[in-house]
Amino acid sequence: MGRQDKTAAGRRRARFSATVAALLAAGLAVGGCGAGGERSSADRAKGEGGRTAPAAPDGGAGTVNPEGSEGAAEDRRPSSAPAADYLSTFALDVDTASYGYARRTLAEGSLPDPATVRPEEFVNSFRPDYPRPEDNGFSVTLDGARAGQDGWSLVRVGLATRAADRSGERPPAALTFVVDVSGSMAEPGRLDLVKESLGLLADELRDDDSIGLVTFSDQAETRLPLTRVGDARGRIREVVDSLTTSASTNLEAGVRTGYDVAVEGHRAGATNRVVLLSDALANTGATEAGTILERIDAERKRYGITLFGVGVGSDYGDALMERLADRGDGQTTYVSDSAQARKVFVDQLPAHVELRARDAKAQVSFDRRTVEKFRLIGYENREVADEDFRNDRVDGGEVGAGHTVTALYAVRTRAGATGPVATATVRWLDPATRAPHERSGSVGTAALTGDLWAGGHDSLQLTAITAYFADALRGGDLPGAPGLPALAERAESIAGRSGSAVVRELAEAVRQADGLLGPGDGPTHEGELKSGDPYS
């Protein structure tokens, strides 16, 4: 490595270390009544306010008691209500953009900005084979294993919806695409990839679905009002093929015009959605998020129009895109090549237009008799105050058909304690009737006796690898974290057993991160703790 390269790498490490120091100075909340008086992330959201009992399912939605769970709750509350700081409450999140963008950044030889690394999006980029419900609700699966340090385990909460029947009945989709054609989109892998993606999708949608198309650079233009796909596939392709780049990025004008088109063509009983394809680098018009967010929020509430953000480009406005999708009760993803575009626009989007749940939230209650401390890994941007779990005016997440949502907790159990560890409850509104439903599952100490890295735990190991990887990129200190080389080896072993190309890509990304961080800049090795570590 030349002198300039070494200097640049040093500057990157310095910036990375400074950001990590700021994160650590801000504090990482740990639930439970452990040493130091740590509090849960949910308590931070609600301050010193009200206290609530743990979640319990309603009588109508039923309960899943998966293999390995102990005592799934059904029409009853746990026998011992935990203190408020033994609750963790968050809105469900099916975003994956953070992982996709991190992989591209690493492949180009740079570390991702820690602020763009969201562990839940790394974890949810891989879909465990959780049991699927027979109805339109959720299955709830809890499992876990020892994490290799004194008293620490990883506890996984897995939620899944029933997959869509590609040939069966579903509501029609009314999709308004808002496409960035600003000058920055001329870079290879931006507008060309968007055009390829839209062409693929046009062949996948049904005749009764509708497509609209808005483009924006310094101004916005409606290229196609919402039009039934039917006999218009040729016209749709002509409009897509004609897209070219020009001028600057007036994202506000694009979103405003896109929602105008979506409202004008709104279809009752359909899934009405705006799909924003952009690098989200606004530099003209209302570049601040506030103005754009207001419009998105108003149309979501009035018409139920949701937002799906698809990010592209090596320079990418991750924070803005995430805020837009969160306010639009939608999701984000990131594509950087044709394979990813096909996965999103052919394999996922046509199926996911069928909603399973609106305003979905999860609440996990930990049993203070067995649990000393806990920490939810990620979901900082999705926190919900504990007392708002059953407040259906508080936004949750939108979840489509065939989705899985995973939440991973680091949990320290009390020495020698046995019995229930955690009960997880998911609450959601029926997309058509907005009737609330709940479903719960539990896990106990008996399910946490195995070693995380022992054989037979590939699914849980993969979840742990992605979470530890994301945490390392943020300067993490999760208990039991192996070094990055060990994570890469374990990911490669899983890829070898499963034949999964996407897991092999994960292994390569971990190796790239290890090379960029260098010795001493990675996470602690298994069995070690950093000085002053809050988990000691």
Protein backbone atom coordinates (compact mmCIF):
# COMPACT_ATOMS: atom_id res chain seq x y z
CA MET A 1 0.00 0.00 0.00
CA GLY A 2 1.43 3.43 -0.98
CA ARG A 3 1.84 6.39 1.35
CA GLN A 4 -1.30 8.08 0.01
CA ASP A 5 -3.34 4.91 0.43
CA LYS A 6 -2.07 4.47 3.98
CA THR A 7 -2.88 8.08 4.80
CA ALA A 8 -6.39 7.75 3.36
CA ALA A 9 -6.93 4.54 5.28
CA GLY A 10 -5.73 6.25 8.45
CA ARG A 11 -8.16 9.11 7.91
CA ARG A 12 -11.01 6.61 7.37
CA ARG A 13 -10.11 4.79 10.57
CA ALA A 14 -9.92 8.08 12.45
CA ARG A 15 -13.35 9.13 11.19
CA PHE A 16 -14.69 5.69 12.02
CA SER A 17 -13.22 5.81 15.55
CA ALA A 18 -14.58 9.32 16.14
CA THR A 19 -18.06 8.26 15.10
CA VAL A 20 -17.86 5.18 17.29
CA ALA A 21 -16.74 7.30 20.23
CA ALA A 22 -19.74 9.56 19.73
CA LEU A 23 -22.06 6.58 19.63
CA LEU A 24 -20.57 5.14 22.80
CA ALA A 25 -20.72 8.52 24.51
CA ALA A 26 -24.42 8.72 23.70
CA GLY A 27 -24.87 5.40 25.51
CA LEU A 28 -26.28 2.05 24.46
CA ALA A 29 -29.29 1.11 26.58
CA VAL A 30 -29.44 -2.34 28.11
CA GLY A 31 -32.70 -3.61 29.56
CA GLY A 32 -33.04 -5.05 33.01
CA CYS A 33 -31.82 -4.17 36.48
CA GLY A 34 -28.16 -5.01 36.02
CA ALA A 35 -25.09 -3.25 37.26
CA GLY A 36 -25.06 0.39 36.39
CA GLY A 37 -28.84 0.69 36.30
CA GLU A 38 -29.21 0.29 32.53
CA ARG A 39 -32.65 0.87 30.99
CA SER A 40 -34.31 -0.55 27.92
CA SER A 41 -34.50 1.32 24.63
CA ALA A 42 -38.29 1.45 24.99
CA ASP A 43 -37.92 3.29 28.31
CA ARG A 44 -35.74 5.86 26.56
CA ALA A 45 -38.57 6.44 24.12
CA LYS A 46 -41.19 7.00 26.81
CA GLY A 47 -39.01 8.70 29.43
CA GLU A 48 -40.17 8.36 33.02
CA GLY A 49 -43.81 8.07 32.01
CA GLY A 50 -46.46 5.41 32.42
CA ARG A 51 -45.91 1.77 33.20
CA THR A 52 -47.67 -1.01 31.36
CA ALA A 53 -48.25 -4.70 31.84
CA PRO A 54 -46.61 -7.06 29.35
CA ALA A 55 -48.36 -7.89 26.13
CA ALA A 56 -50.91 -10.68 25.95
CA PRO A 57 -52.77 -11.98 22.92
CA ASP A 58 -56.39 -11.22 22.20
CA GLY A 59 -58.92 -13.98 22.17
CA GLY A 60 -59.60 -14.04 18.46
CA ALA A 61 -56.31 -14.37 16.63
CA GLY A 62 -55.00 -17.62 18.05
CA THR A 63 -51.48 -18.52 19.17
CA VAL A 64 -48.52 -20.35 17.71
CA ASN A 65 -46.46 -22.52 20.06
CA PRO A 66 -43.48 -23.48 17.90
CA GLU A 67 -41.11 -26.31 18.60
CA GLY A 68 -38.52 -25.19 21.13
CA SER A 69 -40.83 -22.59 22.68
CA GLU A 70 -42.03 -22.96 26.21
CA GLY A 71 -45.54 -22.04 27.22
CA ALA A 72 -46.75 -19.83 24.37
CA ALA A 73 -49.26 -17.42 25.89
CA GLU A 74 -52.90 -17.90 24.97
CA ASP A 75 -55.66 -15.77 26.52
CA ARG A 76 -53.63 -15.19 29.68
CA ARG A 77 -50.92 -12.90 30.99
CA PRO A 78 -47.61 -14.18 32.37
CA SER A 79 -47.89 -15.11 36.02
CA SER A 80 -45.35 -12.47 37.08
CA ALA A 81 -45.60 -9.08 35.37
CA PRO A 82 -42.12 -7.70 34.73
CA ALA A 83 -41.02 -4.22 35.67
CA ALA A 84 -41.41 -1.66 32.91
CA ASP A 85 -37.75 -1.86 31.97
CA TYR A 86 -38.20 -5.55 31.20
CA LEU A 87 -40.26 -4.62 28.14
CA SER A 88 -38.98 -3.96 24.62
CA THR A 89 -41.39 -2.50 22.04
CA PHE A 90 -40.74 -1.68 18.39
CA ALA A 91 -42.46 -1.30 15.03
CA LEU A 92 -41.82 -4.12 12.59
CA ASP A 93 -39.31 -3.38 9.85
CA VAL A 94 -38.73 -5.25 6.59
CA ASP A 95 -36.18 -2.80 5.15
CA THR A 96 -32.96 -4.22 3.68
CA ALA A 97 -31.32 -1.15 2.09
CA SER A 98 -28.63 -0.76 4.76
CA TYR A 99 -27.13 -4.18 4.04
CA GLY A 100 -27.24 -3.78 0.26
CA TYR A 101 -25.57 -0.38 0.40
CA ALA A 102 -22.90 -1.60 2.85
CA ARG A 103 -22.02 -4.50 0.53
CA ARG A 104 -21.57 -2.15 -2.41
CA THR A 105 -19.48 0.30 -0.35
CA LEU A 106 -17.21 -2.48 0.91
CA ALA A 107 -16.82 -3.92 -2.60
CA GLU A 108 -15.63 -0.50 -3.76
CA GLY A 109 -12.94 -0.46 -1.07
CA SER A 110 -14.49 1.78 1.59
CA LEU A 111 -16.08 1.28 4.98
CA PRO A 112 -19.74 2.30 5.21
CA ASP A 113 -20.55 5.28 7.40
CA PRO A 114 -21.56 3.74 10.77
CA ALA A 115 -24.67 5.96 10.72
CA THR A 116 -25.93 4.02 7.68
CA VAL A 117 -25.48 0.60 9.32
CA ARG A 118 -28.76 -0.71 10.77
CA PRO A 119 -28.33 -4.23 12.15
CA GLU A 120 -32.00 -5.16 11.72
CA GLU A 121 -31.69 -4.55 7.96
CA PHE A 122 -28.63 -6.81 7.79
CA VAL A 123 -30.52 -9.52 9.68
CA ASN A 124 -33.73 -9.14 7.65
CA SER A 125 -31.84 -9.43 4.35
CA PHE A 126 -31.86 -13.19 5.00
CA ARG A 127 -35.09 -15.10 5.46
CA PRO A 128 -35.09 -17.97 7.93
CA ASP A 129 -37.45 -20.84 7.30
CA TYR A 130 -39.88 -19.97 10.07
CA PRO A 131 -43.21 -21.82 10.18
CA ARG A 132 -45.86 -20.00 8.14
CA PRO A 133 -49.38 -19.41 9.46
CA GLU A 134 -52.35 -20.83 7.61
CA ASP A 135 -54.29 -17.59 7.97
CA ASN A 136 -53.40 -13.98 7.15
CA GLY A 137 -51.73 -13.29 10.49
CA PHE A 138 -48.25 -14.05 11.81
CA SER A 139 -46.45 -17.06 13.14
CA VAL A 140 -44.30 -16.35 16.21
CA THR A 141 -41.15 -18.41 16.77
CA LEU A 142 -38.58 -17.93 19.54
CA ASP A 143 -35.27 -19.74 19.90
CA GLY A 144 -31.75 -19.05 21.08
CA ALA A 145 -28.38 -20.37 22.24
CA ARG A 146 -25.47 -19.54 24.52
CA ALA A 147 -23.25 -16.79 23.07
CA GLY A 148 -19.95 -17.88 24.57
CA GLN A 149 -19.61 -15.49 27.49
CA ASP A 150 -20.62 -15.70 31.13
CA GLY A 151 -24.38 -15.91 31.25
CA TRP A 152 -24.95 -14.37 27.81
CA SER A 153 -27.21 -15.85 25.15
CA LEU A 154 -28.75 -14.71 21.90
CA VAL A 155 -32.55 -14.91 21.79
CA ARG A 156 -34.20 -14.71 18.38
CA VAL A 157 -37.78 -13.60 17.81
CA GLY A 158 -39.00 -14.68 14.37
CA LEU A 159 -42.23 -13.52 12.75
CA ALA A 160 -43.54 -14.73 9.40
CA THR A 161 -46.56 -14.19 7.17
CA ARG A 162 -48.19 -16.59 4.73
CA ALA A 163 -46.70 -16.47 1.25
CA ALA A 164 -48.68 -15.10 -1.66
CA ASP A 165 -50.26 -17.45 -4.16
CA ARG A 166 -48.94 -16.12 -7.46
CA SER A 167 -51.84 -17.67 -9.34
CA GLY A 168 -54.50 -17.04 -6.68
CA GLU A 169 -56.74 -14.12 -5.89
CA ARG A 170 -55.23 -10.89 -4.60
CA PRO A 171 -56.27 -7.24 -4.67
CA PRO A 172 -55.06 -5.36 -7.75
CA ALA A 173 -52.00 -3.16 -7.39
CA ALA A 174 -51.91 0.53 -8.32
CA LEU A 175 -48.20 1.39 -8.49
CA THR A 176 -46.96 4.91 -9.27
CA PHE A 177 -43.24 4.87 -10.08
CA VAL A 178 -41.30 8.06 -9.35
CA VAL A 179 -38.01 7.82 -11.23
CA ASP A 180 -34.99 10.04 -10.67
CA VAL A 181 -33.55 11.12 -14.05
CA SER A 182 -31.19 13.79 -12.70
CA GLY A 183 -27.61 14.05 -13.91
CA SER A 184 -26.23 11.90 -11.09
CA MET A 185 -28.35 8.98 -12.36
CA ALA A 186 -26.24 8.77 -15.53
CA GLU A 187 -23.60 6.78 -13.66
CA PRO A 188 -23.60 3.10 -14.72
CA GLY A 189 -25.74 1.09 -12.35
CA ARG A 190 -28.30 3.84 -11.80
CA LEU A 191 -30.83 4.82 -14.49
CA ASP A 192 -29.86 1.88 -16.71
CA LEU A 193 -30.60 -0.46 -13.81
CA VAL A 194 -33.89 1.33 -13.07
CA LYS A 195 -35.01 0.93 -16.69
CA GLU A 196 -34.11 -2.75 -16.66
CA SER A 197 -36.01 -3.20 -13.41
CA LEU A 198 -39.18 -1.51 -14.67
CA GLY A 199 -39.09 -3.55 -17.86
CA LEU A 200 -38.91 -6.75 -15.82
CA LEU A 201 -41.78 -5.68 -13.62
CA ALA A 202 -44.04 -4.78 -16.54
CA ASP A 203 -43.92 -8.44 -17.58
CA GLU A 204 -44.73 -9.69 -14.06
CA LEU A 205 -47.78 -7.61 -13.13
CA ARG A 206 -51.31 -8.80 -13.90
CA ASP A 207 -53.61 -7.29 -16.47
CA ASP A 208 -55.79 -5.73 -13.75
CA ASP A 209 -52.84 -4.00 -12.06
CA SER A 210 -52.11 -0.34 -12.84
CA ILE A 211 -48.82 1.49 -13.47
CA GLY A 212 -48.12 5.21 -13.46
CA LEU A 213 -44.75 6.84 -14.17
CA VAL A 214 -43.38 10.19 -13.04
CA THR A 215 -39.83 11.39 -13.72
CA PHE A 216 -37.97 14.22 -12.04
CA SER A 217 -34.75 16.16 -12.45
CA ASP A 218 -34.95 19.95 -11.88
CA GLN A 219 -38.71 19.59 -12.46
CA ALA A 220 -41.16 16.70 -12.37
CA GLU A 221 -43.09 15.34 -15.34
CA THR A 222 -45.94 12.83 -15.54
CA ARG A 223 -44.92 10.39 -18.25
CA LEU A 224 -47.79 7.96 -17.74
CA PRO A 225 -50.92 8.39 -15.62
CA LEU A 226 -52.09 5.34 -13.72
CA THR A 227 -52.95 2.92 -16.52
CA ARG A 228 -54.27 -0.65 -16.43
CA VAL A 229 -51.46 -2.95 -17.51
CA GLY A 230 -53.66 -5.15 -19.73
CA ASP A 231 -53.05 -4.11 -23.33
CA ALA A 232 -50.69 -1.28 -22.33
CA ARG A 233 -47.54 -3.35 -21.74
CA GLY A 234 -46.02 -2.18 -25.03
CA ARG A 235 -46.76 1.46 -24.23
CA ILE A 236 -45.27 1.07 -20.77
CA ARG A 237 -42.07 -0.35 -22.22
CA GLU A 238 -41.82 2.50 -24.75
CA VAL A 239 -42.07 5.10 -21.98
CA VAL A 240 -39.47 3.27 -19.88
CA ASP A 241 -37.05 2.86 -22.79
CA SER A 242 -37.25 6.59 -23.57
CA LEU A 243 -35.98 7.70 -20.15
CA THR A 244 -32.78 9.80 -20.24
CA THR A 245 -30.92 11.89 -17.66
CA SER A 246 -30.71 15.66 -17.32
CA ALA A 247 -30.10 18.50 -14.82
CA SER A 248 -30.34 18.46 -11.02
CA THR A 249 -32.35 16.56 -8.40
CA ASN A 250 -35.64 18.10 -7.29
CA LEU A 251 -36.76 15.17 -5.16
CA GLU A 252 -39.57 17.17 -3.54
CA ALA A 253 -41.15 17.90 -6.95
CA GLY A 254 -40.90 14.25 -7.92
CA VAL A 255 -42.54 12.96 -4.75
CA ARG A 256 -45.25 15.66 -4.85
CA THR A 257 -46.13 14.90 -8.47
CA GLY A 258 -45.97 11.17 -7.84
CA TYR A 259 -48.51 11.45 -5.05
CA ASP A 260 -50.69 13.68 -7.27
CA VAL A 261 -50.77 10.87 -9.83
CA ALA A 262 -51.38 8.24 -7.15
CA VAL A 263 -54.27 10.21 -5.65
CA GLU A 264 -55.85 10.98 -9.02
CA GLY A 265 -55.70 7.31 -10.02
CA HIS A 266 -56.46 5.95 -6.55
CA ARG A 267 -58.31 2.62 -6.71
CA ALA A 268 -60.54 1.59 -3.83
CA GLY A 269 -59.79 -1.97 -2.72
CA ALA A 270 -56.39 -1.98 -4.45
CA THR A 271 -52.90 -1.79 -2.97
CA ASN A 272 -52.02 1.83 -3.75
CA ARG A 273 -48.29 2.47 -3.57
CA VAL A 274 -45.70 5.00 -4.71
CA VAL A 275 -42.37 3.42 -5.68
CA LEU A 276 -39.47 5.88 -5.53
CA LEU A 277 -36.34 4.88 -7.50
CA SER A 278 -33.52 7.30 -6.77
CA ASP A 279 -30.10 7.90 -5.27
CA ALA A 280 -31.97 10.29 -2.91
CA LEU A 281 -29.39 13.05 -3.29
CA ALA A 282 -31.72 16.06 -3.35
CA ASN A 283 -30.08 19.36 -4.34
CA THR A 284 -32.92 21.46 -5.81
CA GLY A 285 -36.30 22.54 -4.47
CA ALA A 286 -37.23 21.56 -0.92
CA THR A 287 -34.13 19.55 -0.10
CA GLU A 288 -35.05 19.20 3.57
CA ALA A 289 -37.10 16.15 4.50
CA GLY A 290 -39.85 18.05 6.36
CA THR A 291 -41.80 19.31 3.35
CA ILE A 292 -41.67 15.96 1.58
CA LEU A 293 -42.58 14.05 4.73
CA GLU A 294 -45.69 16.15 5.31
CA ARG A 295 -47.12 15.24 1.90
CA ILE A 296 -46.33 11.56 2.30
CA ASP A 297 -47.92 11.44 5.75
CA ALA A 298 -51.09 13.22 4.61
CA GLU A 299 -51.76 10.89 1.69
CA ARG A 300 -50.94 7.79 3.73
CA LYS A 301 -53.56 8.77 6.29
CA ARG A 302 -56.20 9.89 3.80
CA TYR A 303 -55.86 7.32 1.04
CA GLY A 304 -53.69 4.55 2.49
CA ILE A 305 -51.00 5.21 -0.13
CA THR A 306 -47.70 3.72 1.04
CA LEU A 307 -44.13 4.30 -0.15
CA PHE A 308 -41.55 1.78 -1.32
CA GLY A 309 -38.06 3.26 -1.69
CA VAL A 310 -35.51 1.61 -4.01
CA GLY A 311 -32.02 3.05 -3.66
CA VAL A 312 -29.35 3.01 -6.37
CA GLY A 313 -25.89 4.50 -6.87
CA SER A 314 -22.51 4.46 -5.13
CA ASP A 315 -23.36 7.83 -3.53
CA TYR A 316 -26.73 7.31 -1.91
CA GLY A 317 -28.91 9.42 0.42
CA ASP A 318 -29.61 6.56 2.80
CA ALA A 319 -30.92 8.65 5.71
CA LEU A 320 -33.40 10.60 3.57
CA MET A 321 -34.73 7.51 1.79
CA GLU A 322 -35.25 5.74 5.10
CA ARG A 323 -37.15 8.69 6.58
CA LEU A 324 -39.39 8.92 3.52
CA ALA A 325 -40.26 5.22 3.63
CA ASP A 326 -40.84 5.26 7.39
CA ARG A 327 -43.25 8.18 7.10
CA GLY A 328 -44.94 6.47 4.16
CA ASP A 329 -45.52 3.31 6.22
CA GLY A 330 -43.43 1.43 3.69
CA GLN A 331 -39.99 -0.05 3.23
CA THR A 332 -36.63 0.46 1.54
CA THR A 333 -34.26 -1.75 -0.38
CA TYR A 334 -31.11 -1.17 -2.40
CA VAL A 335 -30.06 -2.61 -5.76
CA SER A 336 -26.64 -2.41 -7.38
CA ASP A 337 -26.74 -5.04 -10.12
CA SER A 338 -29.10 -6.95 -12.40
CA ALA A 339 -29.38 -9.94 -10.08
CA GLN A 340 -30.57 -7.77 -7.21
CA ALA A 341 -32.95 -5.89 -9.50
CA ARG A 342 -34.50 -9.17 -10.66
CA LYS A 343 -34.85 -10.32 -7.06
CA VAL A 344 -36.67 -7.13 -6.06
CA PHE A 345 -38.82 -6.50 -9.14
CA VAL A 346 -39.55 -10.04 -10.26
CA ASP A 347 -39.38 -12.22 -7.16
CA GLN A 348 -40.51 -9.83 -4.43
CA LEU A 349 -42.50 -6.78 -5.49
CA PRO A 350 -45.29 -8.56 -7.42
CA ALA A 351 -45.87 -10.87 -4.45
CA HIS A 352 -45.55 -8.22 -1.76
CA VAL A 353 -48.23 -5.95 -3.17
CA GLU A 354 -50.60 -8.16 -1.20
CA LEU A 355 -50.60 -6.81 2.35
CA ARG A 356 -50.90 -9.04 5.40
CA ALA A 357 -50.67 -6.40 8.13
CA ARG A 358 -50.76 -2.67 8.77
CA ASP A 359 -49.22 -0.85 11.75
CA ALA A 360 -47.58 -4.04 13.01
CA LYS A 361 -45.64 -3.80 16.29
CA ALA A 362 -43.90 -6.27 18.55
CA GLN A 363 -43.50 -6.24 22.30
CA VAL A 364 -41.16 -8.61 24.12
CA SER A 365 -41.47 -9.01 27.89
CA PHE A 366 -38.56 -10.54 29.77
CA ASP A 367 -39.01 -12.43 33.01
CA ARG A 368 -37.08 -10.71 35.78
CA ARG A 369 -36.73 -13.98 37.69
CA THR A 370 -34.46 -15.40 34.98
CA VAL A 371 -33.18 -12.35 33.08
CA GLU A 372 -30.60 -9.91 34.44
CA LYS A 373 -30.05 -7.74 31.33
CA PHE A 374 -31.07 -7.62 27.70
CA ARG A 375 -30.40 -5.58 24.61
CA LEU A 376 -32.29 -5.43 21.32
CA ILE A 377 -29.75 -5.41 18.49
CA GLY A 378 -30.77 -2.62 16.14
CA TYR A 379 -34.27 -1.18 15.63
CA GLU A 380 -33.20 2.15 17.20
CA ASN A 381 -35.19 4.02 14.55
CA ARG A 382 -38.27 1.84 15.14
CA GLU A 383 -38.66 2.22 18.89
CA VAL A 384 -42.21 2.53 20.25
CA ALA A 385 -43.08 3.56 23.80
CA ASP A 386 -44.25 0.54 25.78
CA GLU A 387 -47.61 2.12 26.60
CA ASP A 388 -48.27 2.72 22.87
CA PHE A 389 -48.11 -0.95 21.93
CA ARG A 390 -51.91 -1.17 21.82
CA ASN A 391 -52.44 2.42 20.73
CA ASP A 392 -53.46 1.85 17.13
CA ARG A 393 -53.07 5.53 16.32
CA VAL A 394 -49.31 5.07 16.72
CA ASP A 395 -47.71 3.92 13.48
CA GLY A 396 -46.22 0.48 13.14
CA GLY A 397 -44.83 -1.30 10.08
CA GLU A 398 -46.47 -2.55 6.91
CA VAL A 399 -45.84 -6.23 6.23
CA GLY A 400 -46.62 -8.01 2.98
CA ALA A 401 -47.20 -11.61 1.98
CA GLY A 402 -44.28 -13.98 2.47
CA HIS A 403 -42.24 -11.63 4.65
CA THR A 404 -40.19 -12.62 7.66
CA VAL A 405 -39.14 -10.23 10.42
CA THR A 406 -36.37 -11.13 12.86
CA ALA A 407 -35.38 -9.39 16.09
CA LEU A 408 -32.26 -10.56 17.90
CA TYR A 409 -31.57 -9.89 21.59
CA ALA A 410 -28.43 -10.28 23.67
CA VAL A 411 -29.74 -11.64 26.98
CA ARG A 412 -27.86 -12.26 30.20
CA THR A 413 -29.64 -14.77 32.39
CA ARG A 414 -29.28 -15.00 36.15
CA ALA A 415 -26.87 -17.66 37.39
CA GLY A 416 -28.69 -20.92 38.08
CA ALA A 417 -32.11 -19.53 37.17
CA THR A 418 -34.51 -21.73 35.21
CA GLY A 419 -37.92 -21.09 33.73
CA PRO A 420 -39.49 -18.60 31.29
CA VAL A 421 -37.16 -16.07 29.66
CA ALA A 422 -39.28 -14.03 27.26
CA THR A 423 -42.74 -13.74 25.73
CA ALA A 424 -43.06 -11.99 22.37
CA THR A 425 -46.37 -10.60 21.14
CA VAL A 426 -47.03 -9.15 17.69
CA ARG A 427 -50.00 -6.82 17.16
CA TRP A 428 -51.30 -5.74 13.78
CA LEU A 429 -54.32 -4.29 12.01
CA ASP A 430 -56.16 -6.20 9.31
CA PRO A 431 -55.40 -4.35 6.02
CA ALA A 432 -59.05 -4.40 4.93
CA THR A 433 -61.04 -3.98 8.16
CA ARG A 434 -58.36 -2.42 10.42
CA ALA A 435 -59.45 -4.80 13.16
CA PRO A 436 -56.60 -5.43 15.65
CA HIS A 437 -55.16 -8.91 16.21
CA GLU A 438 -52.38 -10.30 18.40
CA ARG A 439 -50.38 -13.50 18.58
CA SER A 440 -47.68 -14.62 21.03
CA GLY A 441 -44.92 -17.14 21.64
CA SER A 442 -42.46 -17.80 24.47
CA VAL A 443 -39.02 -19.21 25.17
CA GLY A 444 -37.42 -20.51 28.37
CA THR A 445 -33.99 -21.30 29.73
CA ALA A 446 -34.18 -24.91 28.49
CA ALA A 447 -34.00 -23.62 24.89
CA LEU A 448 -30.81 -21.64 25.59
CA THR A 449 -28.53 -24.44 26.77
CA GLY A 450 -26.88 -25.20 23.43
CA ASP A 451 -23.72 -23.51 22.14
CA LEU A 452 -24.48 -21.02 19.36
CA TRP A 453 -21.60 -22.25 17.23
CA ALA A 454 -22.28 -25.97 17.67
CA GLY A 455 -23.62 -28.03 14.79
CA GLY A 456 -27.26 -27.97 13.82
CA HIS A 457 -27.80 -24.23 14.31
CA ASP A 458 -27.18 -22.90 10.78
CA SER A 459 -30.27 -20.68 10.71
CA LEU A 460 -29.58 -19.09 14.09
CA GLN A 461 -25.86 -18.83 13.30
CA LEU A 462 -26.60 -16.93 10.09
CA THR A 463 -28.77 -14.48 12.01
CA ALA A 464 -25.98 -14.05 14.57
CA ILE A 465 -23.29 -13.58 11.89
CA THR A 466 -25.23 -10.76 10.20
CA ALA A 467 -25.95 -9.05 13.52
CA TYR A 468 -22.34 -9.33 14.74
CA PHE A 469 -21.11 -8.11 11.34
CA ALA A 470 -23.32 -5.02 11.45
CA ASP A 471 -22.36 -4.34 15.05
CA ALA A 472 -18.66 -4.57 14.14
CA LEU A 473 -19.13 -1.98 11.39
CA ARG A 474 -20.57 0.34 14.04
CA GLY A 475 -17.64 -0.30 16.38
CA GLY A 476 -19.65 -2.85 18.29
CA ASP A 477 -19.17 -4.62 21.57
CA LEU A 478 -21.81 -7.33 21.59
CA PRO A 479 -21.01 -10.17 23.98
CA GLY A 480 -19.60 -13.31 22.41
CA ALA A 481 -18.66 -11.62 19.13
CA PRO A 482 -15.98 -13.58 17.26
CA GLY A 483 -13.46 -11.67 15.20
CA LEU A 484 -14.41 -10.83 11.62
CA PRO A 485 -12.21 -13.64 10.18
CA ALA A 486 -14.13 -16.18 12.27
CA LEU A 487 -17.45 -14.71 11.13
CA ALA A 488 -16.34 -14.99 7.50
CA GLU A 489 -15.30 -18.62 7.98
CA ARG A 490 -18.62 -19.51 9.60
CA ALA A 491 -20.58 -17.80 6.84
CA GLU A 492 -18.52 -19.69 4.23
CA SER A 493 -19.21 -22.98 6.00
CA ILE A 494 -22.96 -22.31 5.96
CA ALA A 495 -22.74 -21.36 2.28
CA GLY A 496 -20.94 -24.63 1.57
CA ARG A 497 -23.60 -26.70 3.32
CA SER A 498 -26.54 -24.81 1.84
CA GLY A 499 -25.17 -23.92 -1.60
CA SER A 500 -26.41 -20.36 -1.03
CA ALA A 501 -24.81 -17.70 -3.23
CA VAL A 502 -26.16 -14.87 -1.05
CA VAL A 503 -24.53 -16.34 2.06
CA ARG A 504 -21.25 -16.61 0.15
CA GLU A 505 -21.63 -12.92 -0.73
CA LEU A 506 -22.02 -12.22 2.98
CA ALA A 507 -18.79 -14.08 3.73
CA GLU A 508 -16.96 -12.01 1.11
CA ALA A 509 -18.35 -8.75 2.53
CA VAL A 510 -17.13 -9.71 6.01
CA ARG A 511 -13.65 -10.42 4.61
CA GLN A 512 -13.60 -7.06 2.85
CA ALA A 513 -14.57 -5.29 6.07
CA ASP A 514 -11.82 -7.12 7.96
CA GLY A 515 -9.25 -6.00 5.42
CA LEU A 516 -10.38 -2.37 5.63
CA LEU A 517 -10.61 -2.22 9.40
CA GLY A 518 -7.24 -3.84 9.95
CA PRO A 519 -5.79 -5.33 13.15
CA GLY A 520 -7.09 -3.78 16.32
CA ASP A 521 -9.95 -1.93 14.62
CA GLY A 522 -12.43 -4.81 14.62
CA PRO A 523 -14.69 -6.12 17.34
CA THR A 524 -13.47 -7.93 20.42
CA HIS A 525 -12.59 -11.58 20.03
CA GLU A 526 -14.62 -14.32 21.62
CA GLY A 527 -14.16 -14.41 25.38
CA GLU A 528 -12.66 -10.91 25.57
CA LEU A 529 -14.24 -7.70 26.80
CA LYS A 530 -13.20 -4.15 26.08
CA SER A 531 -12.14 -2.00 28.98
CA GLY A 532 -15.19 -0.39 30.55
CA ASP A 533 -17.53 -2.64 28.56
CA PRO A 534 -21.15 -2.23 29.70
CA TYR A 535 -21.66 -6.01 29.50
CA SER A 536 -19.10 -6.83 32.19
